[in-house]
Amino acid sequence: MVVPEVWEEVRDLDPEVRGFYQYHSALIEPWDGPAGLIFTDGYTVGASLDRNGLRPLRYACART
Protein backbone atom coordinates (compact mmCIF):
# COMPACT_ATOMS: atom_id res chain seq x y z
CA MET A 1 0.00 0.00 0.00
CA VAL A 2 2.83 2.43 0.80
CA VAL A 3 4.78 1.78 -2.43
CA PRO A 4 2.18 0.88 -5.06
CA GLU A 5 3.03 -0.16 -8.56
CA VAL A 6 2.13 2.22 -11.37
CA TRP A 7 -1.56 1.53 -11.92
CA GLU A 8 -3.35 4.68 -13.07
CA GLU A 9 -2.77 4.21 -16.82
CA VAL A 10 -2.74 0.38 -16.94
CA ARG A 11 -5.73 -0.57 -19.10
CA ASP A 12 -5.81 -4.32 -18.46
CA LEU A 13 -5.51 -4.12 -14.65
CA ASP A 14 -7.87 -6.42 -12.74
CA PRO A 15 -10.85 -4.32 -11.50
CA GLU A 16 -10.38 -5.62 -7.94
CA VAL A 17 -6.73 -4.51 -7.93
CA ARG A 18 -7.70 -1.12 -9.37
CA GLY A 19 -10.33 -0.74 -6.65
CA PHE A 20 -7.75 -1.62 -3.98
CA TYR A 21 -5.41 1.09 -5.24
CA GLN A 22 -8.20 3.66 -5.64
CA TYR A 23 -9.43 3.05 -2.10
CA HIS A 24 -5.99 3.26 -0.53
CA SER A 25 -4.98 6.31 -2.57
CA ALA A 26 -7.55 8.24 -0.52
CA LEU A 27 -5.85 7.16 2.73
CA ILE A 28 -2.21 7.93 1.99
CA GLU A 29 -0.46 10.49 -0.20
CA PRO A 30 1.99 9.19 -2.83
CA TRP A 31 4.93 10.95 -1.13
CA ASP A 32 4.15 9.57 2.38
CA GLY A 33 5.92 6.29 1.73
CA PRO A 34 9.54 5.39 2.36
CA ALA A 35 12.29 7.17 0.40
CA GLY A 36 14.25 3.97 -0.09
CA LEU A 37 13.69 0.25 0.16
CA ILE A 38 16.36 -2.12 1.40
CA PHE A 39 15.91 -5.85 0.91
CA THR A 40 17.88 -9.06 1.33
CA ASP A 41 17.61 -12.80 0.93
CA GLY A 42 20.19 -13.40 3.64
CA TYR A 43 23.15 -13.37 1.24
CA THR A 44 22.64 -10.46 -1.13
CA VAL A 45 21.45 -6.97 -0.22
CA GLY A 46 19.68 -4.66 -2.65
CA ALA A 47 18.36 -1.11 -2.44
CA SER A 48 16.03 0.96 -4.54
CA LEU A 49 14.75 4.52 -4.50
CA ASP A 50 11.05 5.21 -4.21
CA ARG A 51 8.93 5.21 -7.35
CA ASN A 52 9.38 8.93 -7.96
CA GLY A 53 13.13 8.85 -7.35
CA LEU A 54 13.09 12.41 -6.02
CA ARG A 55 14.41 11.88 -2.50
CA PRO A 56 18.02 10.89 -1.81
CA LEU A 57 18.87 7.54 -0.29
CA ARG A 58 21.72 7.42 2.22
CA TYR A 59 23.49 4.21 3.07
CA ALA A 60 26.41 2.87 5.07
CA CYS A 61 28.35 -0.32 4.50
CA ALA A 62 29.15 -2.21 7.68
CA ARG A 63 31.70 -5.00 7.54
CA THR A 64 31.76 -7.67 10.20
PDB file of N, CA and C in Angstrom:
ATOM      1  N   MET A   1       0.820  -1.188   0.000  1.00  0.00           N
ATOM      2  CA  MET A   1       0.000   0.000   0.000  1.00  0.00           C
ATOM      3  C   MET A   1       0.865   1.254   0.000  1.00  0.00           C
ATOM      4  N   VAL A   2       2.007   1.236   0.684  1.00  0.00           N
ATOM      5  CA  VAL A   2       2.830   2.431   0.797  1.00  0.00           C
ATOM      6  C   VAL A   2       3.636   2.687  -0.481  1.00  0.00           C
ATOM      7  N   VAL A   3       4.018   1.638  -1.188  1.00  0.00           N
ATOM      8  CA  VAL A   3       4.779   1.783  -2.430  1.00  0.00           C
ATOM      9  C   VAL A   3       4.033   1.020  -3.533  1.00  0.00           C
ATOM     10  N   PRO A   4       2.954   1.593  -4.050  1.00  0.00           N
ATOM     11  CA  PRO A   4       2.178   0.879  -5.065  1.00  0.00           C
ATOM     12  C   PRO A   4       2.884   0.862  -6.409  1.00  0.00           C
ATOM     13  N   GLU A   5       2.545  -0.146  -7.191  1.00  0.00           N
ATOM     14  CA  GLU A   5       3.035  -0.163  -8.564  1.00  0.00           C
ATOM     15  C   GLU A   5       2.311   0.927  -9.351  1.00  0.00           C
ATOM     16  N   VAL A   6       2.816   1.246 -10.510  1.00  0.00           N
ATOM     17  CA  VAL A   6       2.129   2.219 -11.366  1.00  0.00           C
ATOM     18  C   VAL A   6       0.845   1.563 -11.857  1.00  0.00           C
ATOM     19  N   TRP A   7      -0.295   2.182 -11.586  1.00  0.00           N
ATOM     20  CA  TRP A   7      -1.559   1.534 -11.920  1.00  0.00           C
ATOM     21  C   TRP A   7      -2.540   2.452 -12.640  1.00  0.00           C
ATOM     22  N   GLU A   8      -2.349   3.751 -12.557  1.00  0.00           N
ATOM     23  CA  GLU A   8      -3.353   4.685 -13.072  1.00  0.00           C
ATOM     24  C   GLU A   8      -3.634   4.525 -14.563  1.00  0.00           C
ATOM     25  N   GLU A   9      -2.613   4.277 -15.362  1.00  0.00           N
ATOM     26  CA  GLU A   9      -2.768   4.207 -16.815  1.00  0.00           C
ATOM     27  C   GLU A   9      -2.749   2.778 -17.373  1.00  0.00           C
ATOM     28  N   VAL A  10      -2.759   1.779 -16.493  1.00  0.00           N
ATOM     29  CA  VAL A  10      -2.737   0.376 -16.937  1.00  0.00           C
ATOM     30  C   VAL A  10      -4.153  -0.026 -17.331  1.00  0.00           C
ATOM     31  N   ARG A  11      -4.368  -0.298 -18.602  1.00  0.00           N
ATOM     32  CA  ARG A  11      -5.725  -0.565 -19.104  1.00  0.00           C
ATOM     33  C   ARG A  11      -6.236  -1.960 -18.764  1.00  0.00           C
ATOM     34  N   ASP A  12      -5.352  -2.948 -18.681  1.00  0.00           N
ATOM     35  CA  ASP A  12      -5.806  -4.317 -18.460  1.00  0.00           C
ATOM     36  C   ASP A  12      -5.647  -4.763 -17.000  1.00  0.00           C
ATOM     37  N   LEU A  13      -5.637  -3.812 -16.074  1.00  0.00           N
ATOM     38  CA  LEU A  13      -5.510  -4.124 -14.652  1.00  0.00           C
ATOM     39  C   LEU A  13      -6.814  -4.713 -14.137  1.00  0.00           C
ATOM     40  N   ASP A  14      -6.702  -5.758 -13.341  1.00  0.00           N
ATOM     41  CA  ASP A  14      -7.868  -6.416 -12.742  1.00  0.00           C
ATOM     42  C   ASP A  14      -8.694  -5.358 -11.987  1.00  0.00           C
ATOM     43  N   PRO A  15     -10.017  -5.326 -12.177  1.00  0.00           N
ATOM     44  CA  PRO A  15     -10.854  -4.320 -11.503  1.00  0.00           C
ATOM     45  C   PRO A  15     -10.743  -4.355  -9.975  1.00  0.00           C
ATOM     46  N   GLU A  16     -10.534  -5.538  -9.389  1.00  0.00           N
ATOM     47  CA  GLU A  16     -10.381  -5.617  -7.936  1.00  0.00           C
ATOM     48  C   GLU A  16      -9.077  -4.959  -7.482  1.00  0.00           C
ATOM     49  N   VAL A  17      -8.017  -5.135  -8.256  1.00  0.00           N
ATOM     50  CA  VAL A  17      -6.733  -4.510  -7.927  1.00  0.00           C
ATOM     51  C   VAL A  17      -6.848  -3.003  -8.091  1.00  0.00           C
ATOM     52  N   ARG A  18      -7.495  -2.549  -9.158  1.00  0.00           N
ATOM     53  CA  ARG A  18      -7.702  -1.118  -9.370  1.00  0.00           C
ATOM     54  C   ARG A  18      -8.512  -0.520  -8.215  1.00  0.00           C
ATOM     55  N   GLY A  19      -9.530  -1.208  -7.781  1.00  0.00           N
ATOM     56  CA  GLY A  19     -10.332  -0.743  -6.653  1.00  0.00           C
ATOM     57  C   GLY A  19      -9.525  -0.654  -5.374  1.00  0.00           C
ATOM     58  N   PHE A  20      -8.638  -1.641  -5.148  1.00  0.00           N
ATOM     59  CA  PHE A  20      -7.748  -1.620  -3.984  1.00  0.00           C
ATOM     60  C   PHE A  20      -6.895  -0.368  -3.997  1.00  0.00           C
ATOM     61  N   TYR A  21      -6.274  -0.073  -5.138  1.00  0.00           N
ATOM     62  CA  TYR A  21      -5.409   1.094  -5.236  1.00  0.00           C
ATOM     63  C   TYR A  21      -6.207   2.397  -5.126  1.00  0.00           C
ATOM     64  N   GLN A  22      -7.373   2.449  -5.723  1.00  0.00           N
ATOM     65  CA  GLN A  22      -8.196   3.665  -5.635  1.00  0.00           C
ATOM     66  C   GLN A  22      -8.614   3.940  -4.195  1.00  0.00           C
ATOM     67  N   TYR A  23      -9.020   2.894  -3.494  1.00  0.00           N
ATOM     68  CA  TYR A  23      -9.434   3.055  -2.102  1.00  0.00           C
ATOM     69  C   TYR A  23      -8.271   3.558  -1.244  1.00  0.00           C
ATOM     70  N   HIS A  24      -7.125   2.908  -1.374  1.00  0.00           N
ATOM     71  CA  HIS A  24      -5.990   3.263  -0.529  1.00  0.00           C
ATOM     72  C   HIS A  24      -5.339   4.584  -0.931  1.00  0.00           C
ATOM     73  N   SER A  25      -5.535   5.024  -2.166  1.00  0.00           N
ATOM     74  CA  SER A  25      -4.976   6.313  -2.567  1.00  0.00           C
ATOM     75  C   SER A  25      -5.660   7.460  -1.819  1.00  0.00           C
ATOM     76  N   ALA A  26      -6.859   7.224  -1.302  1.00  0.00           N
ATOM     77  CA  ALA A  26      -7.546   8.244  -0.518  1.00  0.00           C
ATOM     78  C   ALA A  26      -7.028   8.289   0.918  1.00  0.00           C
ATOM     79  N   LEU A  27      -6.329   7.244   1.349  1.00  0.00           N
ATOM     80  CA  LEU A  27      -5.850   7.164   2.729  1.00  0.00           C
ATOM     81  C   LEU A  27      -4.421   7.664   2.909  1.00  0.00           C
ATOM     82  N   ILE A  28      -3.615   7.593   1.870  1.00  0.00           N
ATOM     83  CA  ILE A  28      -2.206   7.932   1.995  1.00  0.00           C
ATOM     84  C   ILE A  28      -1.757   8.676   0.739  1.00  0.00           C
ATOM     85  N   GLU A  29      -0.975   9.711   0.928  1.00  0.00           N
ATOM     86  CA  GLU A  29      -0.464  10.487  -0.201  1.00  0.00           C
ATOM     87  C   GLU A  29       0.697   9.739  -0.844  1.00  0.00           C
ATOM     88  N   PRO A  30       0.924   9.919  -2.145  1.00  0.00           N
ATOM     89  CA  PRO A  30       1.995   9.194  -2.831  1.00  0.00           C
ATOM     90  C   PRO A  30       3.378   9.453  -2.243  1.00  0.00           C
ATOM     91  N   TRP A  31       3.605  10.619  -1.659  1.00  0.00           N
ATOM     92  CA  TRP A  31       4.925  10.951  -1.131  1.00  0.00           C
ATOM     93  C   TRP A  31       5.076  10.579   0.340  1.00  0.00           C
ATOM     94  N   ASP A  32       4.074   9.943   0.967  1.00  0.00           N
ATOM     95  CA  ASP A  32       4.153   9.569   2.379  1.00  0.00           C
ATOM     96  C   ASP A  32       4.939   8.290   2.616  1.00  0.00           C
ATOM     97  N   GLY A  33       5.243   7.565   1.580  1.00  0.00           N
ATOM     98  CA  GLY A  33       5.924   6.287   1.731  1.00  0.00           C
ATOM     99  C   GLY A  33       7.406   6.447   1.991  1.00  0.00           C
ATOM    100  N   PRO A  34       8.108   5.326   2.083  1.00  0.00           N
ATOM    101  CA  PRO A  34       9.543   5.387   2.357  1.00  0.00           C
ATOM    102  C   PRO A  34      10.318   5.948   1.170  1.00  0.00           C
ATOM    103  N   ALA A  35      11.440   6.611   1.462  1.00  0.00           N
ATOM    104  CA  ALA A  35      12.289   7.166   0.404  1.00  0.00           C
ATOM    105  C   ALA A  35      13.086   6.064  -0.273  1.00  0.00           C
ATOM    106  N   GLY A  36      13.466   5.060   0.484  1.00  0.00           N
ATOM    107  CA  GLY A  36      14.250   3.970  -0.085  1.00  0.00           C
ATOM    108  C   GLY A  36      13.818   2.643   0.488  1.00  0.00           C
ATOM    109  N   LEU A  37      14.027   1.606  -0.271  1.00  0.00           N
ATOM    110  CA  LEU A  37      13.690   0.255   0.162  1.00  0.00           C
ATOM    111  C   LEU A  37      14.965  -0.573   0.175  1.00  0.00           C
ATOM    112  N   ILE A  38      15.207  -1.239   1.267  1.00  0.00           N
ATOM    113  CA  ILE A  38      16.359  -2.117   1.396  1.00  0.00           C
ATOM    114  C   ILE A  38      15.820  -3.532   1.564  1.00  0.00           C
ATOM    115  N   PHE A  39      16.399  -4.479   0.838  1.00  0.00           N
ATOM    116  CA  PHE A  39      15.908  -5.854   0.906  1.00  0.00           C
ATOM    117  C   PHE A  39      17.070  -6.826   0.830  1.00  0.00           C
ATOM    118  N   THR A  40      16.847  -8.036   1.341  1.00  0.00           N
ATOM    119  CA  THR A  40      17.884  -9.058   1.334  1.00  0.00           C
ATOM    120  C   THR A  40      17.262 -10.440   1.332  1.00  0.00           C
ATOM    121  N   ASP A  41      18.011 -11.404   0.832  1.00  0.00           N
ATOM    122  CA  ASP A  41      17.612 -12.805   0.929  1.00  0.00           C
ATOM    123  C   ASP A  41      18.505 -13.547   1.922  1.00  0.00           C
ATOM    124  N   GLY A  42      19.284 -12.813   2.683  1.00  0.00           N
ATOM    125  CA  GLY A  42      20.194 -13.398   3.643  1.00  0.00           C
ATOM    126  C   GLY A  42      21.631 -13.453   3.148  1.00  0.00           C
ATOM    127  N   TYR A  43      21.819 -13.338   1.839  1.00  0.00           N
ATOM    128  CA  TYR A  43      23.151 -13.368   1.242  1.00  0.00           C
ATOM    129  C   TYR A  43      23.452 -12.094   0.455  1.00  0.00           C
ATOM    130  N   THR A  44      22.484 -11.636  -0.275  1.00  0.00           N
ATOM    131  CA  THR A  44      22.642 -10.461  -1.127  1.00  0.00           C
ATOM    132  C   THR A  44      21.738  -9.348  -0.611  1.00  0.00           C
ATOM    133  N   VAL A  45      22.234  -8.124  -0.649  1.00  0.00           N
ATOM    134  CA  VAL A  45      21.451  -6.966  -0.221  1.00  0.00           C
ATOM    135  C   VAL A  45      21.210  -6.080  -1.438  1.00  0.00           C
ATOM    136  N   GLY A  46      20.011  -5.578  -1.569  1.00  0.00           N
ATOM    137  CA  GLY A  46      19.678  -4.660  -2.650  1.00  0.00           C
ATOM    138  C   GLY A  46      18.990  -3.434  -2.093  1.00  0.00           C
ATOM    139  N   ALA A  47      19.014  -2.355  -2.856  1.00  0.00           N
ATOM    140  CA  ALA A  47      18.363  -1.114  -2.444  1.00  0.00           C
ATOM    141  C   ALA A  47      17.765  -0.444  -3.674  1.00  0.00           C
ATOM    142  N   SER A  48      16.697   0.268  -3.452  1.00  0.00           N
ATOM    143  CA  SER A  48      16.029   0.964  -4.544  1.00  0.00           C
ATOM    144  C   SER A  48      15.436   2.260  -4.019  1.00  0.00           C
ATOM    145  N   LEU A  49      15.429   3.274  -4.856  1.00  0.00           N
ATOM    146  CA  LEU A  49      14.754   4.519  -4.500  1.00  0.00           C
ATOM    147  C   LEU A  49      13.251   4.331  -4.622  1.00  0.00           C
ATOM    148  N   ASP A  50      12.501   5.260  -4.066  1.00  0.00           N
ATOM    149  CA  ASP A  50      11.052   5.212  -4.215  1.00  0.00           C
ATOM    150  C   ASP A  50      10.677   5.382  -5.686  1.00  0.00           C
ATOM    151  N   ARG A  51       9.416   5.184  -5.973  1.00  0.00           N
ATOM    152  CA  ARG A  51       8.927   5.210  -7.353  1.00  0.00           C
ATOM    153  C   ARG A  51       9.222   6.520  -8.063  1.00  0.00           C
ATOM    154  N   ASN A  52       9.141   7.632  -7.348  1.00  0.00           N
ATOM    155  CA  ASN A  52       9.376   8.935  -7.961  1.00  0.00           C
ATOM    156  C   ASN A  52      10.862   9.238  -8.117  1.00  0.00           C
ATOM    157  N   GLY A  53      11.690   8.652  -7.272  1.00  0.00           N
ATOM    158  CA  GLY A  53      13.127   8.853  -7.349  1.00  0.00           C
ATOM    159  C   GLY A  53      13.575  10.269  -7.037  1.00  0.00           C
ATOM    160  N   LEU A  54      12.779  11.014  -6.285  1.00  0.00           N
ATOM    161  CA  LEU A  54      13.092  12.414  -6.019  1.00  0.00           C
ATOM    162  C   LEU A  54      13.876  12.624  -4.727  1.00  0.00           C
ATOM    163  N   ARG A  55      13.736  11.710  -3.783  1.00  0.00           N
ATOM    164  CA  ARG A  55      14.407  11.877  -2.495  1.00  0.00           C
ATOM    165  C   ARG A  55      15.710  11.081  -2.482  1.00  0.00           C
ATOM    166  N   PRO A  56      16.739  11.617  -1.836  1.00  0.00           N
ATOM    167  CA  PRO A  56      18.016  10.894  -1.810  1.00  0.00           C
ATOM    168  C   PRO A  56      17.949   9.693  -0.865  1.00  0.00           C
ATOM    169  N   LEU A  57      18.761   8.718  -1.146  1.00  0.00           N
ATOM    170  CA  LEU A  57      18.867   7.536  -0.294  1.00  0.00           C
ATOM    171  C   LEU A  57      20.286   7.513   0.260  1.00  0.00           C
ATOM    172  N   ARG A  58      20.410   7.496   1.582  1.00  0.00           N
ATOM    173  CA  ARG A  58      21.717   7.419   2.219  1.00  0.00           C
ATOM    174  C   ARG A  58      21.943   5.982   2.662  1.00  0.00           C
ATOM    175  N   TYR A  59      23.182   5.571   2.647  1.00  0.00           N
ATOM    176  CA  TYR A  59      23.486   4.211   3.071  1.00  0.00           C
ATOM    177  C   TYR A  59      24.875   4.163   3.709  1.00  0.00           C
ATOM    178  N   ALA A  60      25.095   3.111   4.457  1.00  0.00           N
ATOM    179  CA  ALA A  60      26.408   2.869   5.069  1.00  0.00           C
ATOM    180  C   ALA A  60      26.703   1.386   4.925  1.00  0.00           C
ATOM    181  N   CYS A  61      27.919   1.070   4.610  1.00  0.00           N
ATOM    182  CA  CYS A  61      28.352  -0.325   4.496  1.00  0.00           C
ATOM    183  C   CYS A  61      29.054  -0.716   5.780  1.00  0.00           C
ATOM    184  N   ALA A  62      28.545  -1.715   6.444  1.00  0.00           N
ATOM    185  CA  ALA A  62      29.152  -2.209   7.678  1.00  0.00           C
ATOM    186  C   ALA A  62      29.775  -3.564   7.401  1.00  0.00           C
ATOM    187  N   ARG A  63      31.011  -3.724   7.754  1.00  0.00           N
ATOM    188  CA  ARG A  63      31.705  -4.999   7.540  1.00  0.00           C
ATOM    189  C   ARG A  63      31.912  -5.661   8.882  1.00  0.00           C
ATOM    190  N   THR A  64      31.593  -6.929   8.947  1.00  0.00           N
ATOM    191  CA  THR A  64      31.764  -7.666  10.203  1.00  0.00           C
ATOM    192  C   THR A  64      32.801  -8.733  10.061  1.00  0.00           C
TER     193      THR A  64
END
